[in-house]
Amino acid sequence: MRCKSNQKKASFAANSPMTVDLQQQFEQAVSDSKSLSEKPSNETLLQLYSLYKQATEGDVNGDAPTMFDFVAKAKYEAWTAQKGKAKDAAQEEYIQLVQKLKS
């Protein structure tokens, strides 16, 4: 019985209006990030990338790229720096960063 109650709570929390609203805001921020008036710096692009990956896929997976693939290595390391961050937290940070870039 207790297990089912906890499952219901988890299911409810995953579908709460706050979670849906955050997901919609995140999707809007992803869309907005593609039409910024100025191209962000490479450092900011890596931050956007790593937050996006953490929000959509969770902790980094797979093997690290070779040291000769500088771009892939930088992306991998940026994503690795987000390890352990919750999906919601990554989405919120992504949204805030995009809003900052838009202003």
PDB file of N, CA and C in Angstrom:
ATOM      1  N   MET A   1       0.815  -1.197   0.000  1.00  0.00           N
ATOM      2  CA  MET A   1       0.000   0.000   0.000  1.00  0.00           C
ATOM      3  C   MET A   1       0.855   1.257   0.000  1.00  0.00           C
ATOM      4  N   ARG A   2       1.800   1.286   0.876  1.00  0.00           N
ATOM      5  CA  ARG A   2       2.626   2.474   1.019  1.00  0.00           C
ATOM      6  C   ARG A   2       3.366   2.782  -0.278  1.00  0.00           C
ATOM      7  N   CYS A   3       3.828   1.770  -0.940  1.00  0.00           N
ATOM      8  CA  CYS A   3       4.554   1.931  -2.189  1.00  0.00           C
ATOM      9  C   CYS A   3       3.675   2.595  -3.246  1.00  0.00           C
ATOM     10  N   LYS A   4       2.427   2.145  -3.345  1.00  0.00           N
ATOM     11  CA  LYS A   4       1.512   2.713  -4.332  1.00  0.00           C
ATOM     12  C   LYS A   4       1.256   4.181  -4.051  1.00  0.00           C
ATOM     13  N   SER A   5       1.129   4.536  -2.778  1.00  0.00           N
ATOM     14  CA  SER A   5       0.903   5.925  -2.402  1.00  0.00           C
ATOM     15  C   SER A   5       2.083   6.784  -2.834  1.00  0.00           C
ATOM     16  N   ASN A   6       3.303   6.294  -2.603  1.00  0.00           N
ATOM     17  CA  ASN A   6       4.494   7.030  -3.015  1.00  0.00           C
ATOM     18  C   ASN A   6       4.569   7.146  -4.530  1.00  0.00           C
ATOM     19  N   GLN A   7       4.152   6.098  -5.247  1.00  0.00           N
ATOM     20  CA  GLN A   7       4.160   6.147  -6.707  1.00  0.00           C
ATOM     21  C   GLN A   7       3.181   7.199  -7.203  1.00  0.00           C
ATOM     22  N   LYS A   8       2.015   7.275  -6.561  1.00  0.00           N
ATOM     23  CA  LYS A   8       1.034   8.284  -6.949  1.00  0.00           C
ATOM     24  C   LYS A   8       1.585   9.680  -6.724  1.00  0.00           C
ATOM     25  N   LYS A   9       2.244   9.887  -5.579  1.00  0.00           N
ATOM     26  CA  LYS A   9       2.827  11.190  -5.289  1.00  0.00           C
ATOM     27  C   LYS A   9       3.887  11.542  -6.317  1.00  0.00           C
ATOM     28  N   ALA A  10       4.742  10.600  -6.649  1.00  0.00           N
ATOM     29  CA  ALA A  10       5.790  10.848  -7.635  1.00  0.00           C
ATOM     30  C   ALA A  10       5.176  11.151  -8.992  1.00  0.00           C
ATOM     31  N   SER A  11       4.154  10.411  -9.361  1.00  0.00           N
ATOM     32  CA  SER A  11       3.485  10.639 -10.635  1.00  0.00           C
ATOM     33  C   SER A  11       2.827  12.006 -10.656  1.00  0.00           C
ATOM     34  N   PHE A  12       2.174  12.365  -9.544  1.00  0.00           N
ATOM     35  CA  PHE A  12       1.530  13.667  -9.460  1.00  0.00           C
ATOM     36  C   PHE A  12       2.561  14.784  -9.561  1.00  0.00           C
ATOM     37  N   ALA A  13       3.673  14.638  -8.841  1.00  0.00           N
ATOM     38  CA  ALA A  13       4.711  15.670  -8.856  1.00  0.00           C
ATOM     39  C   ALA A  13       5.285  15.847 -10.252  1.00  0.00           C
ATOM     40  N   ALA A  14       5.451  14.751 -10.974  1.00  0.00           N
ATOM     41  CA  ALA A  14       6.015  14.826 -12.316  1.00  0.00           C
ATOM     42  C   ALA A  14       5.073  15.528 -13.280  1.00  0.00           C
ATOM     43  N   ASN A  15       3.780  15.521 -13.003  1.00  0.00           N
ATOM     44  CA  ASN A  15       2.808  16.136 -13.894  1.00  0.00           C
ATOM     45  C   ASN A  15       2.160  17.379 -13.297  1.00  0.00           C
ATOM     46  N   SER A  16       2.741  17.925 -12.231  1.00  0.00           N
ATOM     47  CA  SER A  16       2.156  19.099 -11.597  1.00  0.00           C
ATOM     48  C   SER A  16       2.244  20.291 -12.541  1.00  0.00           C
ATOM     49  N   PRO A  17       1.361  21.276 -12.365  1.00  0.00           N
ATOM     50  CA  PRO A  17       1.378  22.458 -13.226  1.00  0.00           C
ATOM     51  C   PRO A  17       2.720  23.177 -13.215  1.00  0.00           C
ATOM     52  N   MET A  18       3.399  23.187 -12.065  1.00  0.00           N
ATOM     53  CA  MET A  18       4.690  23.852 -11.994  1.00  0.00           C
ATOM     54  C   MET A  18       5.708  23.179 -12.910  1.00  0.00           C
ATOM     55  N   THR A  19       5.718  21.853 -12.928  1.00  0.00           N
ATOM     56  CA  THR A  19       6.637  21.117 -13.783  1.00  0.00           C
ATOM     57  C   THR A  19       6.307  21.348 -15.254  1.00  0.00           C
ATOM     58  N   VAL A  20       5.038  21.312 -15.598  1.00  0.00           N
ATOM     59  CA  VAL A  20       4.625  21.539 -16.982  1.00  0.00           C
ATOM     60  C   VAL A  20       5.003  22.953 -17.410  1.00  0.00           C
ATOM     61  N   ASP A  21       4.761  23.929 -16.524  1.00  0.00           N
ATOM     62  CA  ASP A  21       5.097  25.319 -16.818  1.00  0.00           C
ATOM     63  C   ASP A  21       6.603  25.471 -17.040  1.00  0.00           C
ATOM     64  N   LEU A  22       7.409  24.846 -16.197  1.00  0.00           N
ATOM     65  CA  LEU A  22       8.860  24.912 -16.338  1.00  0.00           C
ATOM     66  C   LEU A  22       9.275  24.291 -17.670  1.00  0.00           C
ATOM     67  N   GLN A  23       8.680  23.165 -18.026  1.00  0.00           N
ATOM     68  CA  GLN A  23       9.004  22.514 -19.297  1.00  0.00           C
ATOM     69  C   GLN A  23       8.664  23.434 -20.470  1.00  0.00           C
ATOM     70  N   GLN A  24       7.519  24.097 -20.403  1.00  0.00           N
ATOM     71  CA  GLN A  24       7.126  25.022 -21.477  1.00  0.00           C
ATOM     72  C   GLN A  24       8.090  26.204 -21.549  1.00  0.00           C
ATOM     73  N   GLN A  25       8.475  26.731 -20.398  1.00  0.00           N
ATOM     74  CA  GLN A  25       9.432  27.841 -20.372  1.00  0.00           C
ATOM     75  C   GLN A  25      10.773  27.401 -20.948  1.00  0.00           C
ATOM     76  N   PHE A  26      11.178  26.186 -20.610  1.00  0.00           N
ATOM     77  CA  PHE A  26      12.442  25.655 -21.122  1.00  0.00           C
ATOM     78  C   PHE A  26      12.385  25.519 -22.638  1.00  0.00           C
ATOM     79  N   GLU A  27      11.307  24.953 -23.146  1.00  0.00           N
ATOM     80  CA  GLU A  27      11.161  24.792 -24.592  1.00  0.00           C
ATOM     81  C   GLU A  27      11.153  26.147 -25.299  1.00  0.00           C
ATOM     82  N   GLN A  28      10.526  27.153 -24.684  1.00  0.00           N
ATOM     83  CA  GLN A  28      10.521  28.492 -25.260  1.00  0.00           C
ATOM     84  C   GLN A  28      11.932  29.078 -25.251  1.00  0.00           C
ATOM     85  N   ALA A  29      12.667  28.852 -24.165  1.00  0.00           N
ATOM     86  CA  ALA A  29      14.040  29.353 -24.068  1.00  0.00           C
ATOM     87  C   ALA A  29      14.930  28.690 -25.118  1.00  0.00           C
ATOM     88  N   VAL A  30      14.728  27.399 -25.363  1.00  0.00           N
ATOM     89  CA  VAL A  30      15.492  26.699 -26.403  1.00  0.00           C
ATOM     90  C   VAL A  30      15.204  27.352 -27.750  1.00  0.00           C
ATOM     91  N   SER A  31      13.959  27.613 -28.021  1.00  0.00           N
ATOM     92  CA  SER A  31      13.565  28.270 -29.264  1.00  0.00           C
ATOM     93  C   SER A  31      14.178  29.672 -29.355  1.00  0.00           C
ATOM     94  N   ASP A  32      14.094  30.413 -28.262  1.00  0.00           N
ATOM     95  CA  ASP A  32      14.645  31.775 -28.236  1.00  0.00           C
ATOM     96  C   ASP A  32      16.153  31.778 -28.428  1.00  0.00           C
ATOM     97  N   SER A  33      16.829  30.760 -27.918  1.00  0.00           N
ATOM     98  CA  SER A  33      18.294  30.717 -28.017  1.00  0.00           C
ATOM     99  C   SER A  33      18.763  30.599 -29.464  1.00  0.00           C
ATOM    100  N   LYS A  34      17.897  30.135 -30.325  1.00  0.00           N
ATOM    101  CA  LYS A  34      18.259  29.959 -31.734  1.00  0.00           C
ATOM    102  C   LYS A  34      18.102  31.241 -32.536  1.00  0.00           C
ATOM    103  N   SER A  35      17.505  32.265 -31.922  1.00  0.00           N
ATOM    104  CA  SER A  35      17.284  33.508 -32.661  1.00  0.00           C
ATOM    105  C   SER A  35      17.758  34.723 -31.874  1.00  0.00           C
ATOM    106  N   LEU A  36      18.859  34.572 -31.167  1.00  0.00           N
ATOM    107  CA  LEU A  36      19.425  35.694 -30.429  1.00  0.00           C
ATOM    108  C   LEU A  36      19.966  36.727 -31.412  1.00  0.00           C
ATOM    109  N   SER A  37      19.901  37.991 -31.026  1.00  0.00           N
ATOM    110  CA  SER A  37      20.361  39.053 -31.934  1.00  0.00           C
ATOM    111  C   SER A  37      21.874  39.016 -32.125  1.00  0.00           C
ATOM    112  N   GLU A  38      22.607  38.568 -31.111  1.00  0.00           N
ATOM    113  CA  GLU A  38      24.061  38.442 -31.217  1.00  0.00           C
ATOM    114  C   GLU A  38      24.480  37.030 -30.848  1.00  0.00           C
ATOM    115  N   LYS A  39      25.519  36.551 -31.533  1.00  0.00           N
ATOM    116  CA  LYS A  39      26.030  35.219 -31.216  1.00  0.00           C
ATOM    117  C   LYS A  39      26.784  35.283 -29.891  1.00  0.00           C
ATOM    118  N   PRO A  40      26.425  34.401 -28.942  1.00  0.00           N
ATOM    119  CA  PRO A  40      27.132  34.376 -27.651  1.00  0.00           C
ATOM    120  C   PRO A  40      28.580  33.924 -27.821  1.00  0.00           C
ATOM    121  N   SER A  41      29.377  34.200 -26.802  1.00  0.00           N
ATOM    122  CA  SER A  41      30.772  33.757 -26.801  1.00  0.00           C
ATOM    123  C   SER A  41      30.818  32.232 -26.764  1.00  0.00           C
ATOM    124  N   ASN A  42      31.967  31.672 -27.104  1.00  0.00           N
ATOM    125  CA  ASN A  42      32.124  30.216 -27.059  1.00  0.00           C
ATOM    126  C   ASN A  42      31.890  29.678 -25.650  1.00  0.00           C
ATOM    127  N   GLU A  43      32.323  30.417 -24.648  1.00  0.00           N
ATOM    128  CA  GLU A  43      32.121  29.997 -23.254  1.00  0.00           C
ATOM    129  C   GLU A  43      30.625  29.931 -22.927  1.00  0.00           C
ATOM    130  N   THR A  44      29.884  30.924 -23.365  1.00  0.00           N
ATOM    131  CA  THR A  44      28.440  30.939 -23.119  1.00  0.00           C
ATOM    132  C   THR A  44      27.744  29.837 -23.904  1.00  0.00           C
ATOM    133  N   LEU A  45      28.191  29.613 -25.137  1.00  0.00           N
ATOM    134  CA  LEU A  45      27.621  28.524 -25.936  1.00  0.00           C
ATOM    135  C   LEU A  45      27.843  27.173 -25.259  1.00  0.00           C
ATOM    136  N   LEU A  46      29.016  26.977 -24.673  1.00  0.00           N
ATOM    137  CA  LEU A  46      29.293  25.730 -23.945  1.00  0.00           C
ATOM    138  C   LEU A  46      28.392  25.610 -22.718  1.00  0.00           C
ATOM    139  N   GLN A  47      28.146  26.727 -22.051  1.00  0.00           N
ATOM    140  CA  GLN A  47      27.267  26.703 -20.886  1.00  0.00           C
ATOM    141  C   GLN A  47      25.843  26.346 -21.313  1.00  0.00           C
ATOM    142  N   LEU A  48      25.370  26.950 -22.397  1.00  0.00           N
ATOM    143  CA  LEU A  48      24.039  26.615 -22.916  1.00  0.00           C
ATOM    144  C   LEU A  48      23.963  25.137 -23.278  1.00  0.00           C
ATOM    145  N   TYR A  49      24.971  24.663 -23.977  1.00  0.00           N
ATOM    146  CA  TYR A  49      25.021  23.260 -24.396  1.00  0.00           C
ATOM    147  C   TYR A  49      24.965  22.321 -23.196  1.00  0.00           C
ATOM    148  N   SER A  50      25.812  22.595 -22.203  1.00  0.00           N
ATOM    149  CA  SER A  50      25.899  21.683 -21.060  1.00  0.00           C
ATOM    150  C   SER A  50      24.606  21.688 -20.244  1.00  0.00           C
ATOM    151  N   LEU A  51      24.000  22.849 -20.084  1.00  0.00           N
ATOM    152  CA  LEU A  51      22.727  22.910 -19.355  1.00  0.00           C
ATOM    153  C   LEU A  51      21.623  22.207 -20.130  1.00  0.00           C
ATOM    154  N   TYR A  52      21.618  22.387 -21.443  1.00  0.00           N
ATOM    155  CA  TYR A  52      20.617  21.718 -22.287  1.00  0.00           C
ATOM    156  C   TYR A  52      20.751  20.195 -22.170  1.00  0.00           C
ATOM    157  N   LYS A  53      21.978  19.703 -22.301  1.00  0.00           N
ATOM    158  CA  LYS A  53      22.211  18.262 -22.224  1.00  0.00           C
ATOM    159  C   LYS A  53      21.828  17.714 -20.852  1.00  0.00           C
ATOM    160  N   GLN A  54      22.168  18.444 -19.791  1.00  0.00           N
ATOM    161  CA  GLN A  54      21.841  17.992 -18.440  1.00  0.00           C
ATOM    162  C   GLN A  54      20.327  17.977 -18.246  1.00  0.00           C
ATOM    163  N   ALA A  55      19.647  18.975 -18.801  1.00  0.00           N
ATOM    164  CA  ALA A  55      18.190  19.068 -18.654  1.00  0.00           C
ATOM    165  C   ALA A  55      17.459  18.014 -19.467  1.00  0.00           C
ATOM    166  N   THR A  56      18.029  17.613 -20.597  1.00  0.00           N
ATOM    167  CA  THR A  56      17.329  16.681 -21.478  1.00  0.00           C
ATOM    168  C   THR A  56      17.806  15.244 -21.354  1.00  0.00           C
ATOM    169  N   GLU A  57      19.066  15.028 -20.966  1.00  0.00           N
ATOM    170  CA  GLU A  57      19.607  13.667 -20.915  1.00  0.00           C
ATOM    171  C   GLU A  57      20.123  13.253 -19.550  1.00  0.00           C
ATOM    172  N   GLY A  58      20.300  14.213 -18.644  1.00  0.00           N
ATOM    173  CA  GLY A  58      20.857  13.888 -17.339  1.00  0.00           C
ATOM    174  C   GLY A  58      22.372  13.889 -17.373  1.00  0.00           C
ATOM    175  N   ASP A  59      22.969  13.166 -16.434  1.00  0.00           N
ATOM    176  CA  ASP A  59      24.431  13.144 -16.335  1.00  0.00           C
ATOM    177  C   ASP A  59      25.077  12.629 -17.615  1.00  0.00           C
ATOM    178  N   VAL A  60      26.270  13.143 -17.859  1.00  0.00           N
ATOM    179  CA  VAL A  60      27.040  12.783 -19.052  1.00  0.00           C
ATOM    180  C   VAL A  60      27.187  11.265 -19.144  1.00  0.00           C
ATOM    181  N   ASN A  61      27.145  10.772 -20.370  1.00  0.00           N
ATOM    182  CA  ASN A  61      27.301   9.329 -20.589  1.00  0.00           C
ATOM    183  C   ASN A  61      28.245   9.112 -21.756  1.00  0.00           C
ATOM    184  N   GLY A  62      28.739   7.925 -21.862  1.00  0.00           N
ATOM    185  CA  GLY A  62      29.664   7.609 -22.953  1.00  0.00           C
ATOM    186  C   GLY A  62      31.095   7.952 -22.601  1.00  0.00           C
ATOM    187  N   ASP A  63      31.976   7.561 -23.480  1.00  0.00           N
ATOM    188  CA  ASP A  63      33.403   7.799 -23.283  1.00  0.00           C
ATOM    189  C   ASP A  63      33.769   9.218 -23.686  1.00  0.00           C
ATOM    190  N   ALA A  64      34.767   9.744 -23.023  1.00  0.00           N
ATOM    191  CA  ALA A  64      35.267  11.076 -23.372  1.00  0.00           C
ATOM    192  C   ALA A  64      35.903  11.029 -24.754  1.00  0.00           C
ATOM    193  N   PRO A  65      35.717  12.085 -25.530  1.00  0.00           N
ATOM    194  CA  PRO A  65      36.345  12.132 -26.849  1.00  0.00           C
ATOM    195  C   PRO A  65      37.866  12.236 -26.731  1.00  0.00           C
ATOM    196  N   THR A  66      38.536  11.968 -27.803  1.00  0.00           N
ATOM    197  CA  THR A  66      40.004  12.060 -27.800  1.00  0.00           C
ATOM    198  C   THR A  66      40.424  13.508 -27.609  1.00  0.00           C
ATOM    199  N   MET A  67      41.630  13.666 -27.130  1.00  0.00           N
ATOM    200  CA  MET A  67      42.127  15.017 -26.879  1.00  0.00           C
ATOM    201  C   MET A  67      42.355  15.802 -28.170  1.00  0.00           C
ATOM    202  N   PHE A  68      42.319  15.123 -29.311  1.00  0.00           N
ATOM    203  CA  PHE A  68      42.537  15.799 -30.582  1.00  0.00           C
ATOM    204  C   PHE A  68      41.256  16.399 -31.157  1.00  0.00           C
ATOM    205  N   ASP A  69      40.117  16.003 -30.605  1.00  0.00           N
ATOM    206  CA  ASP A  69      38.836  16.571 -31.030  1.00  0.00           C
ATOM    207  C   ASP A  69      38.477  17.654 -30.008  1.00  0.00           C
ATOM    208  N   PHE A  70      39.023  18.846 -30.234  1.00  0.00           N
ATOM    209  CA  PHE A  70      38.943  19.912 -29.249  1.00  0.00           C
ATOM    210  C   PHE A  70      37.509  20.353 -28.947  1.00  0.00           C
ATOM    211  N   VAL A  71      36.692  20.461 -29.963  1.00  0.00           N
ATOM    212  CA  VAL A  71      35.311  20.909 -29.776  1.00  0.00           C
ATOM    213  C   VAL A  71      34.518  19.877 -28.977  1.00  0.00           C
ATOM    214  N   ALA A  72      34.593  18.614 -29.388  1.00  0.00           N
ATOM    215  CA  ALA A  72      33.874  17.553 -28.683  1.00  0.00           C
ATOM    216  C   ALA A  72      34.372  17.433 -27.243  1.00  0.00           C
ATOM    217  N   LYS A  73      35.655  17.568 -27.050  1.00  0.00           N
ATOM    218  CA  LYS A  73      36.243  17.483 -25.708  1.00  0.00           C
ATOM    219  C   LYS A  73      35.726  18.616 -24.828  1.00  0.00           C
ATOM    220  N   ALA A  74      35.668  19.833 -25.368  1.00  0.00           N
ATOM    221  CA  ALA A  74      35.174  20.987 -24.609  1.00  0.00           C
ATOM    222  C   ALA A  74      33.708  20.789 -24.235  1.00  0.00           C
ATOM    223  N   LYS A  75      32.910  20.281 -25.172  1.00  0.00           N
ATOM    224  CA  LYS A  75      31.496  20.026 -24.892  1.00  0.00           C
ATOM    225  C   LYS A  75      31.348  18.964 -23.811  1.00  0.00           C
ATOM    226  N   TYR A  76      32.114  17.902 -23.925  1.00  0.00           N
ATOM    227  CA  TYR A  76      32.057  16.804 -22.955  1.00  0.00           C
ATOM    228  C   TYR A  76      32.422  17.305 -21.560  1.00  0.00           C
ATOM    229  N   GLU A  77      33.485  18.084 -21.472  1.00  0.00           N
ATOM    230  CA  GLU A  77      33.935  18.596 -20.178  1.00  0.00           C
ATOM    231  C   GLU A  77      32.919  19.565 -19.574  1.00  0.00           C
ATOM    232  N   ALA A  78      32.298  20.395 -20.419  1.00  0.00           N
ATOM    233  CA  ALA A  78      31.280  21.324 -19.929  1.00  0.00           C
ATOM    234  C   ALA A  78      30.084  20.556 -19.384  1.00  0.00           C
ATOM    235  N   TRP A  79      29.667  19.529 -20.094  1.00  0.00           N
ATOM    236  CA  TRP A  79      28.534  18.708 -19.646  1.00  0.00           C
ATOM    237  C   TRP A  79      28.900  17.963 -18.364  1.00  0.00           C
ATOM    238  N   THR A  80      30.113  17.446 -18.288  1.00  0.00           N
ATOM    239  CA  THR A  80      30.574  16.735 -17.094  1.00  0.00           C
ATOM    240  C   THR A  80      30.522  17.650 -15.864  1.00  0.00           C
ATOM    241  N   ALA A  81      30.781  18.929 -16.049  1.00  0.00           N
ATOM    242  CA  ALA A  81      30.751  19.890 -14.946  1.00  0.00           C
ATOM    243  C   ALA A  81      29.342  20.044 -14.367  1.00  0.00           C
ATOM    244  N   GLN A  82      28.324  19.648 -15.114  1.00  0.00           N
ATOM    245  CA  GLN A  82      26.938  19.744 -14.647  1.00  0.00           C
ATOM    246  C   GLN A  82      26.483  18.476 -13.910  1.00  0.00           C
ATOM    247  N   LYS A  83      27.354  17.488 -13.827  1.00  0.00           N
ATOM    248  CA  LYS A  83      26.995  16.192 -13.256  1.00  0.00           C
ATOM    249  C   LYS A  83      26.334  16.337 -11.883  1.00  0.00           C
ATOM    250  N   GLY A  84      25.223  15.624 -11.723  1.00  0.00           N
ATOM    251  CA  GLY A  84      24.504  15.628 -10.461  1.00  0.00           C
ATOM    252  C   GLY A  84      23.434  16.707 -10.362  1.00  0.00           C
ATOM    253  N   LYS A  85      23.421  17.640 -11.290  1.00  0.00           N
ATOM    254  CA  LYS A  85      22.422  18.710 -11.259  1.00  0.00           C
ATOM    255  C   LYS A  85      21.079  18.146 -11.693  1.00  0.00           C
ATOM    256  N   ALA A  86      20.038  18.468 -10.955  1.00  0.00           N
ATOM    257  CA  ALA A  86      18.693  17.994 -11.264  1.00  0.00           C
ATOM    258  C   ALA A  86      18.194  18.615 -12.573  1.00  0.00           C
ATOM    259  N   LYS A  87      17.314  17.885 -13.251  1.00  0.00           N
ATOM    260  CA  LYS A  87      16.740  18.343 -14.514  1.00  0.00           C
ATOM    261  C   LYS A  87      16.106  19.720 -14.364  1.00  0.00           C
ATOM    262  N   ASP A  88      15.296  19.896 -13.324  1.00  0.00           N
ATOM    263  CA  ASP A  88      14.617  21.178 -13.112  1.00  0.00           C
ATOM    264  C   ASP A  88      15.612  22.313 -12.906  1.00  0.00           C
ATOM    265  N   ALA A  89      16.661  22.056 -12.145  1.00  0.00           N
ATOM    266  CA  ALA A  89      17.672  23.087 -11.887  1.00  0.00           C
ATOM    267  C   ALA A  89      18.389  23.468 -13.182  1.00  0.00           C
ATOM    268  N   ALA A  90      18.708  22.475 -14.001  1.00  0.00           N
ATOM    269  CA  ALA A  90      19.366  22.750 -15.281  1.00  0.00           C
ATOM    270  C   ALA A  90      18.443  23.548 -16.201  1.00  0.00           C
ATOM    271  N   GLN A  91      17.151  23.190 -16.211  1.00  0.00           N
ATOM    272  CA  GLN A  91      16.196  23.934 -17.030  1.00  0.00           C
ATOM    273  C   GLN A  91      16.098  25.381 -16.559  1.00  0.00           C
ATOM    274  N   GLU A  92      16.006  25.587 -15.259  1.00  0.00           N
ATOM    275  CA  GLU A  92      15.898  26.938 -14.716  1.00  0.00           C
ATOM    276  C   GLU A  92      17.125  27.774 -15.065  1.00  0.00           C
ATOM    277  N   GLU A  93      18.311  27.202 -14.915  1.00  0.00           N
ATOM    278  CA  GLU A  93      19.539  27.928 -15.243  1.00  0.00           C
ATOM    279  C   GLU A  93      19.596  28.259 -16.740  1.00  0.00           C
ATOM    280  N   TYR A  94      19.164  27.316 -17.570  1.00  0.00           N
ATOM    281  CA  TYR A  94      19.140  27.540 -19.011  1.00  0.00           C
ATOM    282  C   TYR A  94      18.209  28.706 -19.339  1.00  0.00           C
ATOM    283  N   ILE A  95      17.011  28.692 -18.760  1.00  0.00           N
ATOM    284  CA  ILE A  95      16.022  29.749 -18.990  1.00  0.00           C
ATOM    285  C   ILE A  95      16.599  31.104 -18.576  1.00  0.00           C
ATOM    286  N   GLN A  96      17.206  31.162 -17.394  1.00  0.00           N
ATOM    287  CA  GLN A  96      17.782  32.419 -16.891  1.00  0.00           C
ATOM    288  C   GLN A  96      18.901  32.915 -17.795  1.00  0.00           C
ATOM    289  N   LEU A  97      19.733  32.011 -18.269  1.00  0.00           N
ATOM    290  CA  LEU A  97      20.840  32.402 -19.148  1.00  0.00           C
ATOM    291  C   LEU A  97      20.306  32.965 -20.467  1.00  0.00           C
ATOM    292  N   VAL A  98      19.330  32.314 -21.049  1.00  0.00           N
ATOM    293  CA  VAL A  98      18.758  32.796 -22.311  1.00  0.00           C
ATOM    294  C   VAL A  98      18.096  34.162 -22.103  1.00  0.00           C
ATOM    295  N   GLN A  99      17.384  34.329 -20.998  1.00  0.00           N
ATOM    296  CA  GLN A  99      16.743  35.615 -20.721  1.00  0.00           C
ATOM    297  C   GLN A  99      17.804  36.711 -20.594  1.00  0.00           C
ATOM    298  N   LYS A 100      18.918  36.395 -19.953  1.00  0.00           N
ATOM    299  CA  LYS A 100      20.025  37.353 -19.803  1.00  0.00           C
ATOM    300  C   LYS A 100      20.592  37.705 -21.179  1.00  0.00           C
ATOM    301  N   LEU A 101      20.740  36.713 -22.044  1.00  0.00           N
ATOM    302  CA  LEU A 101      21.290  36.946 -23.383  1.00  0.00           C
ATOM    303  C   LEU A 101      20.344  37.764 -24.260  1.00  0.00           C
ATOM    304  N   LYS A 102      19.050  37.616 -24.018  1.00  0.00           N
ATOM    305  CA  LYS A 102      18.057  38.358 -24.809  1.00  0.00           C
ATOM    306  C   LYS A 102      18.011  39.837 -24.431  1.00  0.00           C
ATOM    307  N   SER A 103      18.380  40.162 -23.190  1.00  0.00           N
ATOM    308  CA  SER A 103      18.265  41.559 -22.747  1.00  0.00           C
ATOM    309  C   SER A 103      19.499  42.384 -23.046  1.00  0.00           C
TER     310      SER A 103
END
